[in-house]
Amino acid sequence: MQHRAVSAVRDWNLTLGDSAIYAVVSHGDVIKAIVADALGMHLDQFQRIQIDPCSISVIRYTATRPFVLRTNDSGSDLSNLNPHAQKAKRKRSSSKLSSSDAVIGGGAG
């Protein structure tokens, strides 16, 4: 189940491109399996992840690795997930990070 779900998500990501935002709607266990894969967790541990009905989990896939941006979110502002706004912000920034690099020490996103 995890392999099929993750493969489907990665296929959509390849088809739609890096800046696409799309929704994957499914049952909680399928979403937990996808999140577990993105976190590098073994499937045996996926029940440790909490996913409530109607919550939003966000994963950004890059050529190098996935980044889990949100899990089980049910009420925050999603506007900062807009890739067009992020590109404009990056143009103003002098940062040399690629989209598949993590900020050292965490960072504020």
N, C-alpha and C. Protein backbone atom coordinates (compact mmCIF):
# COMPACT_ATOMS: atom_id res chain seq x y z
N MET A 1 0.83 -1.19 0.00
CA MET A 1 0.00 0.00 0.00
C MET A 1 0.87 1.25 0.00
N GLN A 2 1.91 1.28 0.83
CA GLN A 2 2.77 2.46 0.90
C GLN A 2 3.47 2.70 -0.44
N HIS A 3 3.99 1.65 -1.03
CA HIS A 3 4.70 1.80 -2.31
C HIS A 3 3.78 2.36 -3.38
N ARG A 4 2.56 1.84 -3.48
CA ARG A 4 1.60 2.34 -4.49
C ARG A 4 1.26 3.80 -4.24
N ALA A 5 1.01 4.16 -3.00
CA ALA A 5 0.62 5.53 -2.67
C ALA A 5 1.77 6.51 -2.94
N VAL A 6 2.96 6.18 -2.48
CA VAL A 6 4.11 7.06 -2.68
C VAL A 6 4.45 7.16 -4.16
N SER A 7 4.38 6.06 -4.88
CA SER A 7 4.64 6.09 -6.33
C SER A 7 3.65 6.99 -7.05
N ALA A 8 2.39 6.92 -6.66
CA ALA A 8 1.36 7.77 -7.28
C ALA A 8 1.65 9.25 -7.02
N VAL A 9 2.00 9.58 -5.79
CA VAL A 9 2.31 10.98 -5.45
C VAL A 9 3.53 11.46 -6.23
N ARG A 10 4.57 10.65 -6.28
CA ARG A 10 5.78 11.05 -7.01
C ARG A 10 5.51 11.17 -8.51
N ASP A 11 4.66 10.31 -9.05
CA ASP A 11 4.28 10.41 -10.47
C ASP A 11 3.55 11.72 -10.74
N TRP A 12 2.61 12.08 -9.85
CA TRP A 12 1.91 13.37 -10.01
C TRP A 12 2.90 14.52 -9.95
N ASN A 13 3.85 14.43 -9.03
CA ASN A 13 4.84 15.49 -8.88
C ASN A 13 5.68 15.65 -10.15
N LEU A 14 6.08 14.54 -10.74
CA LEU A 14 6.85 14.60 -11.99
C LEU A 14 6.01 15.16 -13.14
N THR A 15 4.75 14.75 -13.19
CA THR A 15 3.85 15.19 -14.27
C THR A 15 3.55 16.67 -14.17
N LEU A 16 3.27 17.15 -12.96
CA LEU A 16 2.82 18.53 -12.77
C LEU A 16 3.97 19.52 -12.62
N GLY A 17 5.14 19.07 -12.24
CA GLY A 17 6.29 19.96 -12.12
C GLY A 17 6.54 20.46 -10.71
N ASP A 18 7.70 21.09 -10.54
CA ASP A 18 8.17 21.53 -9.22
C ASP A 18 7.28 22.55 -8.54
N SER A 19 6.65 23.42 -9.30
CA SER A 19 5.89 24.50 -8.67
C SER A 19 4.41 24.19 -8.51
N ALA A 20 4.02 22.97 -8.83
CA ALA A 20 2.60 22.62 -8.74
C ALA A 20 2.17 22.40 -7.29
N ILE A 21 0.95 22.79 -7.02
CA ILE A 21 0.31 22.47 -5.74
C ILE A 21 -0.91 21.64 -6.09
N TYR A 22 -1.03 20.49 -5.47
CA TYR A 22 -2.17 19.62 -5.75
C TYR A 22 -2.58 18.91 -4.47
N ALA A 23 -3.82 18.48 -4.43
CA ALA A 23 -4.35 17.80 -3.24
C ALA A 23 -4.44 16.31 -3.50
N VAL A 24 -4.02 15.56 -2.51
CA VAL A 24 -4.19 14.11 -2.51
C VAL A 24 -5.13 13.83 -1.35
N VAL A 25 -6.29 13.32 -1.65
CA VAL A 25 -7.31 13.07 -0.63
C VAL A 25 -7.44 11.56 -0.45
N SER A 26 -7.30 11.12 0.80
CA SER A 26 -7.34 9.68 1.05
C SER A 26 -7.69 9.42 2.51
N HIS A 27 -7.70 8.15 2.86
CA HIS A 27 -7.91 7.75 4.24
C HIS A 27 -6.65 8.02 5.05
N GLY A 28 -6.81 8.15 6.35
CA GLY A 28 -5.72 8.52 7.23
C GLY A 28 -4.51 7.61 7.15
N ASP A 29 -4.71 6.29 7.08
CA ASP A 29 -3.57 5.37 7.06
C ASP A 29 -2.74 5.53 5.79
N VAL A 30 -3.37 5.81 4.67
CA VAL A 30 -2.62 6.03 3.43
C VAL A 30 -1.79 7.30 3.55
N ILE A 31 -2.39 8.35 4.09
CA ILE A 31 -1.66 9.60 4.29
C ILE A 31 -0.51 9.39 5.27
N LYS A 32 -0.76 8.66 6.35
CA LYS A 32 0.32 8.38 7.31
C LYS A 32 1.46 7.60 6.66
N ALA A 33 1.13 6.68 5.77
CA ALA A 33 2.16 5.90 5.08
C ALA A 33 3.01 6.80 4.17
N ILE A 34 2.38 7.76 3.50
CA ILE A 34 3.11 8.69 2.64
C ILE A 34 4.00 9.60 3.49
N VAL A 35 3.47 10.10 4.59
CA VAL A 35 4.25 10.96 5.49
C VAL A 35 5.42 10.17 6.08
N ALA A 36 5.17 8.92 6.49
CA ALA A 36 6.24 8.09 7.05
C ALA A 36 7.36 7.90 6.04
N ASP A 37 7.01 7.66 4.78
CA ASP A 37 8.02 7.52 3.74
C ASP A 37 8.83 8.81 3.61
N ALA A 38 8.15 9.95 3.60
CA ALA A 38 8.83 11.24 3.46
C ALA A 38 9.77 11.50 4.64
N LEU A 39 9.42 11.00 5.81
CA LEU A 39 10.26 11.17 7.00
C LEU A 39 11.36 10.12 7.09
N GLY A 40 11.35 9.14 6.19
CA GLY A 40 12.34 8.08 6.23
C GLY A 40 12.06 7.03 7.29
N MET A 41 10.81 6.98 7.77
CA MET A 41 10.42 6.02 8.80
C MET A 41 10.08 4.68 8.17
N HIS A 42 10.33 3.61 8.89
CA HIS A 42 9.89 2.29 8.45
C HIS A 42 8.38 2.23 8.57
N LEU A 43 7.75 1.53 7.65
CA LEU A 43 6.28 1.44 7.64
C LEU A 43 5.72 0.89 8.95
N ASP A 44 6.48 0.05 9.65
CA ASP A 44 6.01 -0.51 10.92
C ASP A 44 5.73 0.58 11.96
N GLN A 45 6.29 1.77 11.77
CA GLN A 45 6.12 2.84 12.75
C GLN A 45 5.14 3.92 12.31
N PHE A 46 4.44 3.72 11.20
CA PHE A 46 3.59 4.79 10.68
C PHE A 46 2.41 5.12 11.58
N GLN A 47 2.00 4.20 12.45
CA GLN A 47 0.88 4.49 13.35
C GLN A 47 1.26 5.49 14.44
N ARG A 48 2.53 5.86 14.54
CA ARG A 48 2.96 6.89 15.48
C ARG A 48 2.59 8.29 14.98
N ILE A 49 2.22 8.39 13.71
CA ILE A 49 1.88 9.68 13.11
C ILE A 49 0.39 9.93 13.30
N GLN A 50 0.03 11.11 13.75
CA GLN A 50 -1.37 11.49 13.97
C GLN A 50 -1.88 12.25 12.75
N ILE A 51 -2.93 11.77 12.13
CA ILE A 51 -3.59 12.45 11.01
C ILE A 51 -5.08 12.46 11.30
N ASP A 52 -5.62 13.64 11.56
CA ASP A 52 -7.05 13.79 11.85
C ASP A 52 -7.85 13.94 10.56
N PRO A 53 -9.16 13.62 10.62
CA PRO A 53 -10.01 13.85 9.45
C PRO A 53 -9.97 15.32 9.03
N CYS A 54 -9.91 15.55 7.75
CA CYS A 54 -9.92 16.90 7.14
C CYS A 54 -8.68 17.72 7.45
N SER A 55 -7.64 17.11 7.99
CA SER A 55 -6.41 17.86 8.24
C SER A 55 -5.56 17.90 6.97
N ILE A 56 -4.58 18.77 6.98
CA ILE A 56 -3.72 18.95 5.81
C ILE A 56 -2.29 18.61 6.21
N SER A 57 -1.66 17.78 5.40
CA SER A 57 -0.23 17.49 5.53
C SER A 57 0.41 17.91 4.22
N VAL A 58 1.58 18.53 4.31
CA VAL A 58 2.23 19.08 3.12
C VAL A 58 3.63 18.50 3.02
N ILE A 59 3.93 17.95 1.85
CA ILE A 59 5.26 17.41 1.57
C ILE A 59 5.75 18.05 0.27
N ARG A 60 6.97 18.56 0.30
CA ARG A 60 7.58 19.09 -0.92
C ARG A 60 8.63 18.09 -1.37
N TYR A 61 8.44 17.54 -2.57
CA TYR A 61 9.39 16.59 -3.12
C TYR A 61 10.41 17.33 -3.98
N THR A 62 11.68 17.00 -3.78
CA THR A 62 12.76 17.56 -4.60
C THR A 62 13.51 16.40 -5.23
N ALA A 63 14.46 16.71 -6.08
CA ALA A 63 15.26 15.66 -6.72
C ALA A 63 16.08 14.88 -5.70
N THR A 64 16.42 15.52 -4.59
CA THR A 64 17.27 14.89 -3.58
C THR A 64 16.49 14.17 -2.50
N ARG A 65 15.45 14.83 -1.97
CA ARG A 65 14.72 14.26 -0.83
C ARG A 65 13.39 14.98 -0.66
N PRO A 66 12.46 14.36 0.05
CA PRO A 66 11.21 15.06 0.38
C PRO A 66 11.40 15.89 1.65
N PHE A 67 10.63 16.96 1.75
CA PHE A 67 10.60 17.79 2.95
C PHE A 67 9.18 17.80 3.47
N VAL A 68 8.98 17.43 4.74
CA VAL A 68 7.66 17.48 5.36
C VAL A 68 7.49 18.89 5.91
N LEU A 69 6.58 19.65 5.31
CA LEU A 69 6.38 21.04 5.69
C LEU A 69 5.30 21.20 6.75
N ARG A 70 4.29 20.34 6.70
CA ARG A 70 3.19 20.39 7.68
C ARG A 70 2.62 18.98 7.85
N THR A 71 2.16 18.70 9.05
CA THR A 71 1.40 17.47 9.28
C THR A 71 0.21 17.79 10.18
N ASN A 72 -0.90 17.18 9.86
CA ASN A 72 -2.10 17.26 10.68
C ASN A 72 -2.55 18.70 10.95
N ASP A 73 -2.36 19.58 10.01
CA ASP A 73 -2.72 20.99 10.14
C ASP A 73 -4.22 21.15 9.87
N SER A 74 -4.90 21.83 10.75
CA SER A 74 -6.35 21.98 10.55
C SER A 74 -6.84 23.41 10.74
N GLY A 75 -5.97 24.38 10.51
CA GLY A 75 -6.50 25.72 10.69
C GLY A 75 -5.56 26.87 10.40
N SER A 76 -4.35 26.60 9.97
CA SER A 76 -3.44 27.73 9.75
C SER A 76 -3.54 28.26 8.32
N ASP A 77 -2.94 29.40 8.11
CA ASP A 77 -2.92 30.06 6.81
C ASP A 77 -2.02 29.27 5.86
N LEU A 78 -2.53 28.96 4.68
CA LEU A 78 -1.77 28.17 3.71
C LEU A 78 -1.14 29.03 2.61
N SER A 79 -1.27 30.34 2.71
CA SER A 79 -0.81 31.21 1.62
C SER A 79 0.70 31.14 1.40
N ASN A 80 1.47 30.81 2.43
CA ASN A 80 2.92 30.75 2.25
C ASN A 80 3.36 29.51 1.47
N LEU A 81 2.42 28.64 1.12
CA LEU A 81 2.75 27.47 0.32
C LEU A 81 2.70 27.75 -1.18
N ASN A 82 2.33 28.97 -1.55
CA ASN A 82 2.23 29.36 -2.95
C ASN A 82 3.64 29.46 -3.55
N PRO A 83 3.97 28.61 -4.53
CA PRO A 83 5.33 28.62 -5.07
C PRO A 83 5.67 29.91 -5.80
N HIS A 84 4.69 30.59 -6.37
CA HIS A 84 4.96 31.84 -7.08
C HIS A 84 5.40 32.93 -6.10
N ALA A 85 4.78 32.97 -4.94
CA ALA A 85 5.18 33.94 -3.91
C ALA A 85 6.58 33.59 -3.38
N GLN A 86 6.86 32.30 -3.25
CA GLN A 86 8.17 31.88 -2.76
C GLN A 86 9.27 32.24 -3.75
N LYS A 87 9.01 32.09 -5.06
CA LYS A 87 10.01 32.45 -6.07
C LYS A 87 10.32 33.94 -6.03
N ALA A 88 9.30 34.76 -5.89
CA ALA A 88 9.51 36.21 -5.81
C ALA A 88 10.34 36.55 -4.58
N LYS A 89 10.06 35.87 -3.48
CA LYS A 89 10.79 36.11 -2.24
C LYS A 89 12.26 35.70 -2.41
N ARG A 90 12.51 34.57 -3.09
CA ARG A 90 13.87 34.09 -3.29
C ARG A 90 14.68 35.03 -4.18
N LYS A 91 14.03 35.64 -5.15
CA LYS A 91 14.74 36.56 -6.03
C LYS A 91 15.29 37.75 -5.25
N ARG A 92 14.57 38.15 -4.21
CA ARG A 92 15.02 39.27 -3.38
C ARG A 92 16.09 38.83 -2.38
N SER A 93 16.18 37.53 -2.14
CA SER A 93 17.13 37.00 -1.15
C SER A 93 18.48 36.72 -1.81
N SER A 94 19.53 36.81 -1.03
CA SER A 94 20.86 36.50 -1.56
C SER A 94 21.25 35.06 -1.27
N SER A 95 20.33 34.26 -0.75
CA SER A 95 20.60 32.88 -0.40
C SER A 95 20.96 32.06 -1.63
N LYS A 96 21.91 31.14 -1.47
CA LYS A 96 22.33 30.29 -2.58
C LYS A 96 21.83 28.86 -2.40
N LEU A 97 20.85 28.63 -1.54
CA LEU A 97 20.31 27.30 -1.33
C LEU A 97 19.52 26.85 -2.54
N SER A 98 19.68 25.58 -2.91
CA SER A 98 18.82 25.03 -3.95
C SER A 98 17.54 24.53 -3.30
N SER A 99 16.56 24.19 -4.10
CA SER A 99 15.27 23.77 -3.56
C SER A 99 15.34 22.44 -2.82
N SER A 100 16.44 21.71 -2.96
CA SER A 100 16.55 20.43 -2.28
C SER A 100 17.49 20.49 -1.08
N ASP A 101 17.89 21.70 -0.68
CA ASP A 101 18.73 21.89 0.50
C ASP A 101 17.88 22.30 1.69
N ALA A 102 18.26 21.81 2.86
CA ALA A 102 17.59 22.23 4.08
C ALA A 102 18.41 23.36 4.71
N VAL A 103 17.73 24.25 5.39
CA VAL A 103 18.41 25.34 6.07
C VAL A 103 19.14 24.78 7.28
N ILE A 104 20.41 25.09 7.42
CA ILE A 104 21.20 24.61 8.56
C ILE A 104 20.65 25.23 9.83
N GLY A 105 20.40 24.39 10.83
CA GLY A 105 19.87 24.87 12.09
C GLY A 105 18.37 25.05 12.09
N GLY A 106 17.71 24.67 11.03
CA GLY A 106 16.25 24.76 10.98
C GLY A 106 15.79 25.91 10.14
N GLY A 107 15.77 27.08 10.69
CA GLY A 107 15.28 28.24 9.95
C GLY A 107 13.79 28.39 10.08
N ALA A 108 13.30 29.49 9.63
CA ALA A 108 11.87 29.79 9.74
C ALA A 108 11.12 29.49 8.47
N GLY A 109 11.66 28.69 7.60
CA GLY A 109 10.94 28.29 6.40
C GLY A 109 11.44 28.98 5.22
